[in-house]
C-alpha atoms as a PDB file:
ATOM      1  CA  MET A   1       0.000   0.000   0.000  1.00  0.00           C
ATOM      2  CA  LEU A   2       2.790   2.464   0.917  1.00  0.00           C
ATOM      3  CA  LYS A   3       4.600   1.675  -2.333  1.00  0.00           C
ATOM      4  CA  ARG A   4       1.445   2.352  -4.341  1.00  0.00           C
ATOM      5  CA  ILE A   5       0.727   5.655  -2.596  1.00  0.00           C
ATOM      6  CA  PHE A   6       4.335   6.850  -2.736  1.00  0.00           C
ATOM      7  CA  SER A   7       4.694   6.103  -6.440  1.00  0.00           C
ATOM      8  CA  LYS A   8       1.757   8.354  -7.297  1.00  0.00           C
ATOM      9  CA  GLN A   9       3.397  11.507  -5.954  1.00  0.00           C
ATOM     10  CA  LYS A  10       3.941  13.976  -8.790  1.00  0.00           C
ATOM     11  CA  GLY A  11       7.538  14.595  -9.836  1.00  0.00           C
ATOM     12  CA  PHE A  12       8.857  11.417  -8.187  1.00  0.00           C
ATOM     13  CA  THR A  13       9.432   8.102  -9.946  1.00  0.00           C
ATOM     14  CA  PRO A  14      10.996   5.628  -7.497  1.00  0.00           C
ATOM     15  CA  THR A  15       9.307   2.577  -9.068  1.00  0.00           C
ATOM     16  CA  SER A  16       9.671   3.515 -12.735  1.00  0.00           C
ATOM     17  CA  ASN A  17      12.116   1.557 -14.889  1.00  0.00           C
ATOM     18  CA  THR A  18      11.693   3.948 -17.823  1.00  0.00           C
ATOM     19  CA  SER A  19      15.006   5.385 -19.057  1.00  0.00           C
ATOM     20  CA  LEU A  20      15.914   9.031 -18.594  1.00  0.00           C
ATOM     21  CA  PHE A  21      15.871   9.747 -22.336  1.00  0.00           C
ATOM     22  CA  ALA A  22      12.507   8.021 -22.751  1.00  0.00           C
ATOM     23  CA  ARG A  23      11.052  10.243 -20.059  1.00  0.00           C
ATOM     24  CA  ILE A  24      12.584  13.325 -21.658  1.00  0.00           C
ATOM     25  CA  GLY A  25      10.932  12.350 -24.940  1.00  0.00           C
ATOM     26  CA  ALA A  26       7.630  11.828 -23.178  1.00  0.00           C
ATOM     27  CA  TRP A  27       7.913  15.185 -21.457  1.00  0.00           C
ATOM     28  CA  VAL A  28       8.612  16.942 -24.769  1.00  0.00           C
ATOM     29  CA  ASN A  29       5.882  15.050 -26.636  1.00  0.00           C
ATOM     30  CA  PRO A  30       3.090  13.477 -24.553  1.00  0.00           C
ATOM     31  CA  LYS A  31       2.248  11.114 -27.444  1.00  0.00           C
ATOM     32  CA  ASN A  32       5.520   9.287 -26.759  1.00  0.00           C
ATOM     33  CA  ARG A  33       4.501   8.362 -23.238  1.00  0.00           C
ATOM     34  CA  VAL A  34       4.604   4.642 -22.570  1.00  0.00           C
ATOM     35  CA  PRO A  35       3.734   3.760 -18.959  1.00  0.00           C
ATOM     36  CA  SER A  36       6.297   1.613 -17.175  1.00  0.00           C
ATOM     37  CA  ASP A  37       3.670  -0.128 -14.988  1.00  0.00           C
ATOM     38  CA  THR A  38       0.039   0.150 -13.969  1.00  0.00           C
ATOM     39  CA  HIS A  39       0.800   2.216 -10.904  1.00  0.00           C
ATOM     40  CA  THR A  40       2.813   4.940 -12.669  1.00  0.00           C
ATOM     41  CA  SER A  41       0.830   5.303 -15.886  1.00  0.00           C
ATOM     42  CA  LYS A  42       0.164   8.983 -15.221  1.00  0.00           C
ATOM     43  CA  VAL A  43       3.381   9.888 -13.448  1.00  0.00           C
ATOM     44  CA  TRP A  44       6.176  11.385 -15.574  1.00  0.00           C
ATOM     45  CA  GLY A  45       8.704  13.234 -13.444  1.00  0.00           C
ATOM     46  CA  PHE A  46      12.457  13.455 -12.964  1.00  0.00           C
ATOM     47  CA  THR A  47      14.680  12.819  -9.988  1.00  0.00           C
ATOM     48  CA  LEU A  48      17.122  15.506  -8.861  1.00  0.00           C
ATOM     49  CA  ILE A  49      20.087  13.576 -10.264  1.00  0.00           C
ATOM     50  CA  GLU A  50      18.387  13.239 -13.645  1.00  0.00           C
ATOM     51  CA  LEU A  51      17.690  16.971 -13.758  1.00  0.00           C
ATOM     52  CA  LEU A  52      21.315  17.736 -12.921  1.00  0.00           C
ATOM     53  CA  VAL A  53      22.493  15.417 -15.705  1.00  0.00           C
ATOM     54  CA  VAL A  54      20.212  17.146 -18.221  1.00  0.00           C
ATOM     55  CA  ILE A  55      21.364  20.600 -17.095  1.00  0.00           C
ATOM     56  CA  ALA A  56      25.016  19.529 -17.399  1.00  0.00           C
ATOM     57  CA  ILE A  57      24.443  18.203 -20.928  1.00  0.00           C
ATOM     58  CA  ILE A  58      22.708  21.429 -21.963  1.00  0.00           C
ATOM     59  CA  GLY A  59      25.585  23.459 -20.502  1.00  0.00           C
ATOM     60  CA  ILE A  60      28.197  21.472 -22.434  1.00  0.00           C
ATOM     61  CA  LEU A  61      26.277  21.789 -25.702  1.00  0.00           C
ATOM     62  CA  ALA A  62      25.794  25.526 -25.154  1.00  0.00           C
ATOM     63  CA  SER A  63      29.524  26.073 -24.581  1.00  0.00           C
ATOM     64  CA  VAL A  64      30.403  24.154 -27.758  1.00  0.00           C
ATOM     65  CA  VAL A  65      27.912  26.147 -29.829  1.00  0.00           C
ATOM     66  CA  LEU A  66      29.113  29.451 -28.342  1.00  0.00           C
ATOM     67  CA  ALA A  67      32.766  28.647 -29.086  1.00  0.00           C
ATOM     68  CA  SER A  68      31.917  27.766 -32.691  1.00  0.00           C
ATOM     69  CA  LEU A  69      29.888  30.950 -33.060  1.00  0.00           C
ATOM     70  CA  ASN A  70      32.701  33.145 -31.733  1.00  0.00           C
ATOM     71  CA  ASN A  71      35.195  31.494 -34.082  1.00  0.00           C
ATOM     72  CA  ALA A  72      32.880  32.090 -37.047  1.00  0.00           C
ATOM     73  CA  ARG A  73      32.537  35.748 -36.082  1.00  0.00           C
ATOM     74  CA  ARG A  74      36.319  36.193 -35.884  1.00  0.00           C
ATOM     75  CA  LYS A  75      36.756  34.702 -39.337  1.00  0.00           C
ATOM     76  CA  SER A  76      34.003  36.923 -40.702  1.00  0.00           C
ATOM     77  CA  ARG A  77      35.655  40.072 -39.318  1.00  0.00           C
ATOM     78  CA  ASP A  78      39.040  39.013 -40.711  1.00  0.00           C
ATOM     79  CA  ALA A  79      37.504  38.403 -44.136  1.00  0.00           C
ATOM     80  CA  ARG A  80      36.099  41.934 -43.996  1.00  0.00           C
ATOM     81  CA  ARG A  81      39.514  43.366 -43.075  1.00  0.00           C
ATOM     82  CA  ILE A  82      41.282  41.558 -45.916  1.00  0.00           C
ATOM     83  CA  SER A  83      38.610  42.735 -48.340  1.00  0.00           C
ATOM     84  CA  ASP A  84      39.036  46.317 -47.097  1.00  0.00           C
ATOM     85  CA  MET A  85      42.800  46.140 -47.680  1.00  0.00           C
ATOM     86  CA  LYS A  86      42.330  44.994 -51.251  1.00  0.00           C
ATOM     87  CA  GLN A  87      39.726  47.688 -51.907  1.00  0.00           C
ATOM     88  CA  ILE A  88      42.052  50.391 -50.589  1.00  0.00           C
ATOM     89  CA  GLN A  89      44.930  48.997 -52.648  1.00  0.00           C
ATOM     90  CA  LEU A  90      42.813  49.014 -55.812  1.00  0.00           C
ATOM     91  CA  ALA A  91      41.620  52.561 -55.105  1.00  0.00           C
ATOM     92  CA  LEU A  92      45.215  53.746 -54.609  1.00  0.00           C
ATOM     93  CA  GLU A  93      46.287  52.223 -57.922  1.00  0.00           C
ATOM     94  CA  LEU A  94      43.316  53.803 -59.714  1.00  0.00           C
ATOM     95  CA  TYR A  95      44.208  57.140 -58.116  1.00  0.00           C
ATOM     96  CA  TYR A  96      47.817  56.744 -59.241  1.00  0.00           C
ATOM     97  CA  ASP A  97      46.722  56.051 -62.815  1.00  0.00           C
ATOM     98  CA  GLY A  98      44.280  58.952 -62.685  1.00  0.00           C
ATOM     99  CA  VAL A  99      46.722  61.638 -61.560  1.00  0.00           C
ATOM    100  CA  GLY A 100      49.695  60.320 -63.508  1.00  0.00           C
ATOM    101  CA  ALA A 101      52.898  61.943 -62.265  1.00  0.00           C
ATOM    102  CA  GLY A 102      51.124  63.047 -59.080  1.00  0.00           C
ATOM    103  CA  GLY A 103      51.887  59.737 -57.393  1.00  0.00           C
ATOM    104  CA  TYR A 104      49.806  58.091 -54.670  1.00  0.00           C
ATOM    105  CA  SER A 105      47.501  59.845 -52.230  1.00  0.00           C
ATOM    106  CA  SER A 106      48.795  60.921 -48.811  1.00  0.00           C
ATOM    107  CA  LEU A 107      45.428  60.084 -47.223  1.00  0.00           C
ATOM    108  CA  VAL A 108      42.966  57.273 -47.842  1.00  0.00           C
ATOM    109  CA  ALA A 109      40.175  59.769 -47.133  1.00  0.00           C
ATOM    110  CA  THR A 110      41.004  61.684 -50.329  1.00  0.00           C
ATOM    111  CA  LEU A 111      40.053  58.594 -52.337  1.00  0.00           C
ATOM    112  CA  VAL A 112      36.412  59.122 -51.289  1.00  0.00           C
ATOM    113  CA  PRO A 113      34.061  59.255 -53.160  1.00  0.00           C
ATOM    114  CA  THR A 114      35.786  59.001 -56.551  1.00  0.00           C
ATOM    115  CA  TYR A 115      37.648  55.764 -55.884  1.00  0.00           C
ATOM    116  CA  LEU A 116      36.020  54.543 -52.661  1.00  0.00           C
ATOM    117  CA  PRO A 117      32.370  54.986 -51.568  1.00  0.00           C
ATOM    118  CA  VAL A 118      33.461  55.431 -47.926  1.00  0.00           C
ATOM    119  CA  GLU A 119      36.734  55.151 -46.036  1.00  0.00           C
ATOM    120  CA  PRO A 120      36.968  51.565 -44.708  1.00  0.00           C
ATOM    121  CA  LYS A 121      37.322  51.082 -40.949  1.00  0.00           C
ATOM    122  CA  ASP A 122      38.062  48.115 -38.727  1.00  0.00           C
ATOM    123  CA  PRO A 123      34.802  46.191 -38.073  1.00  0.00           C
ATOM    124  CA  SER A 124      35.608  45.789 -34.365  1.00  0.00           C
ATOM    125  CA  THR A 125      37.009  49.188 -33.397  1.00  0.00           C
ATOM    126  CA  SER A 126      35.608  51.440 -36.168  1.00  0.00           C
ATOM    127  CA  VAL A 127      39.108  52.952 -36.407  1.00  0.00           C
ATOM    128  CA  ILE A 128      40.695  53.715 -39.788  1.00  0.00           C
ATOM    129  CA  TYR A 129      43.387  51.289 -40.918  1.00  0.00           C
ATOM    130  CA  PRO A 130      47.122  52.128 -40.648  1.00  0.00           C
ATOM    131  CA  TYR A 131      48.390  53.897 -43.764  1.00  0.00           C
ATOM    132  CA  ALA A 132      51.984  54.954 -44.385  1.00  0.00           C
ATOM    133  CA  TYR A 133      53.576  56.477 -47.465  1.00  0.00           C
ATOM    134  CA  SER A 134      57.028  57.342 -48.808  1.00  0.00           C
ATOM    135  CA  PRO A 135      58.862  59.603 -49.348  1.00  0.00           C
ATOM    136  CA  THR A 136      57.851  62.020 -46.607  1.00  0.00           C
ATOM    137  CA  SER A 137      57.802  64.960 -49.031  1.00  0.00           C
ATOM    138  CA  GLY A 138      57.333  65.437 -52.741  1.00  0.00           C
ATOM    139  CA  THR A 139      55.670  62.915 -55.027  1.00  0.00           C
ATOM    140  CA  ILE A 140      54.533  59.817 -53.158  1.00  0.00           C
ATOM    141  CA  SER A 141      55.999  56.752 -54.854  1.00  0.00           C
ATOM    142  CA  THR A 142      54.877  53.959 -52.533  1.00  0.00           C
ATOM    143  CA  TYR A 143      52.536  53.163 -49.659  1.00  0.00           C
ATOM    144  CA  HIS A 144      52.030  50.658 -46.842  1.00  0.00           C
ATOM    145  CA  ILE A 145      48.574  49.641 -45.546  1.00  0.00           C
ATOM    146  CA  GLY A 146      47.679  47.098 -42.874  1.00  0.00           C
ATOM    147  CA  ALA A 147      45.001  45.515 -40.704  1.00  0.00           C
ATOM    148  CA  ASP A 148      45.110  43.431 -37.529  1.00  0.00           C
ATOM    149  CA  LEU A 149      43.732  39.912 -38.040  1.00  0.00           C
ATOM    150  CA  GLU A 150      42.280  38.015 -35.085  1.00  0.00           C
ATOM    151  CA  ASP A 151      43.000  34.576 -36.546  1.00  0.00           C
ATOM    152  CA  THR A 152      46.758  34.236 -36.116  1.00  0.00           C
ATOM    153  CA  SER A 153      46.826  31.265 -38.512  1.00  0.00           C
ATOM    154  CA  ASN A 154      44.871  32.937 -41.318  1.00  0.00           C
ATOM    155  CA  PRO A 155      46.269  31.694 -44.687  1.00  0.00           C
ATOM    156  CA  ALA A 156      46.275  35.279 -46.005  1.00  0.00           C
ATOM    157  CA  LEU A 157      49.213  36.011 -43.700  1.00  0.00           C
ATOM    158  CA  ASN A 158      51.357  33.754 -45.889  1.00  0.00           C
ATOM    159  CA  SER A 159      51.003  36.083 -48.877  1.00  0.00           C
ATOM    160  CA  ASP A 160      51.171  39.604 -47.402  1.00  0.00           C
ATOM    161  CA  ARG A 161      54.212  41.924 -47.590  1.00  0.00           C
ATOM    162  CA  ASP A 162      55.553  41.883 -43.979  1.00  0.00           C
ATOM    163  CA  CYS A 163      57.066  45.336 -44.415  1.00  0.00           C
ATOM    164  CA  ASN A 164      58.433  47.307 -41.466  1.00  0.00           C
ATOM    165  CA  SER A 165      57.977  50.935 -42.497  1.00  0.00           C
ATOM    166  CA  THR A 166      59.211  52.422 -39.198  1.00  0.00           C
ATOM    167  CA  GLY A 167      62.659  54.010 -38.830  1.00  0.00           C
ATOM    168  CA  THR A 168      64.836  52.639 -41.614  1.00  0.00           C
ATOM    169  CA  PRO A 169      62.348  50.564 -43.645  1.00  0.00           C
ATOM    170  CA  ALA A 170      63.012  46.847 -43.992  1.00  0.00           C
ATOM    171  CA  ASN A 171      61.441  44.377 -46.398  1.00  0.00           C
ATOM    172  CA  CYS A 172      59.607  47.278 -48.069  1.00  0.00           C
ATOM    173  CA  PRO A 173      59.588  48.572 -51.666  1.00  0.00           C
ATOM    174  CA  THR A 174      61.947  51.393 -50.630  1.00  0.00           C
ATOM    175  CA  THR A 175      64.472  52.175 -47.907  1.00  0.00           C
ATOM    176  CA  ASN A 176      63.368  55.810 -47.824  1.00  0.00           C
ATOM    177  CA  ALA A 177      61.586  56.950 -44.669  1.00  0.00           C
ATOM    178  CA  TYR A 178      57.814  56.590 -44.425  1.00  0.00           C
ATOM    179  CA  THR A 179      55.282  58.942 -42.870  1.00  0.00           C
ATOM    180  CA  ASN A 180      53.171  57.132 -40.215  1.00  0.00           C
ATOM    181  CA  GLY A 181      55.198  53.939 -40.592  1.00  0.00           C
ATOM    182  CA  PHE A 182      54.156  50.764 -38.780  1.00  0.00           C
ATOM    183  CA  VAL A 183      55.391  47.199 -38.289  1.00  0.00           C
ATOM    184  CA  GLY A 184      53.794  44.756 -40.697  1.00  0.00           C
ATOM    185  CA  GLY A 185      56.443  42.111 -40.065  1.00  0.00           C
ATOM    186  CA  SER A 186      59.892  41.275 -41.361  1.00  0.00           C
ATOM    187  CA  ALA A 187      61.521  39.123 -44.005  1.00  0.00           C
ATOM    188  CA  THR A 188      61.420  36.166 -41.635  1.00  0.00           C
ATOM    189  CA  ALA A 189      58.298  36.612 -39.493  1.00  0.00           C
ATOM    190  CA  GLU A 190      54.893  38.200 -39.079  1.00  0.00           C
ATOM    191  CA  SER A 191      54.415  41.026 -36.621  1.00  0.00           C
ATOM    192  CA  ALA A 192      53.537  39.194 -33.399  1.00  0.00           C
ATOM    193  CA  ASP A 193      52.030  42.310 -31.802  1.00  0.00           C
ATOM    194  CA  GLY A 194      49.679  43.568 -34.510  1.00  0.00           C
ATOM    195  CA  CYS A 195      50.293  46.482 -36.863  1.00  0.00           C
ATOM    196  CA  ASP A 196      50.800  48.915 -33.986  1.00  0.00           C
ATOM    197  CA  ALA A 197      53.535  46.695 -32.443  1.00  0.00           C
ATOM    198  CA  VAL A 198      51.972  46.940 -28.965  1.00  0.00           C
ATOM    199  CA  THR A 199      53.089  43.941 -26.901  1.00  0.00           C
ATOM    200  CA  THR A 200      49.626  43.570 -25.339  1.00  0.00           C
ATOM    201  CA  ASP A 201      48.210  42.828 -28.794  1.00  0.00           C
ATOM    202  CA  THR A 202      49.842  39.418 -29.115  1.00  0.00           C
ATOM    203  CA  GLN A 203      46.497  37.912 -30.144  1.00  0.00           C
ATOM    204  CA  PHE A 204      46.687  39.817 -33.464  1.00  0.00           C
ATOM    205  CA  ARG A 205      48.803  39.457 -36.613  1.00  0.00           C
ATOM    206  CA  CYS A 206      49.348  42.314 -39.052  1.00  0.00           C
ATOM    207  CA  TYR A 207      48.157  41.729 -42.615  1.00  0.00           C
ATOM    208  CA  ASP A 208      49.872  44.374 -44.757  1.00  0.00           C
ATOM    209  CA  LEU A 209      50.141  45.302 -48.422  1.00  0.00           C
ATOM    210  CA  THR A 210      52.393  47.521 -50.559  1.00  0.00           C
ATOM    211  CA  PRO A 211      52.497  48.201 -54.331  1.00  0.00           C
END
């Protein structure tokens, strides 16, 4: 008698042999309910341990999905940055062809709106991208543009310039000084601290282009 009364308490299934997943299915869809015995035909609850197991599983799945989502977002932002670099490079070359002996522009902003609809900015910080040019006076004969990529193993980093346009330029189209120079890398390595060479930015790699 006590067993029969106790087994009918809602939310408690001490006499049920139904599996946890079967009860989850029955809870989600009542049509799937198959009574385990005549005394528990209308009782479909979960023990505390079962609830904790379900919560743990949901937590693990949520963390996996969140990690995948964050990775996809990083790749999307990097793709945008690489696209921006190529658009700026194309606009600079069109400007160079358009002005002839005038050389390249000293500012990316002057390419708007004739060669660029708007001046591209980093999708995370909304800050304009690093832009250096050389020589520091007279007709500009070369430039150096860059963007910080979040994915340090991005394949695009294998085909960029890795120019260091600060001080005495290295691995650049010219050894003449640049205005607003930055570290895009070297002949042997990528910049490990981003284009601004700040040591706290070790999670970034500088993707840079020159003519």
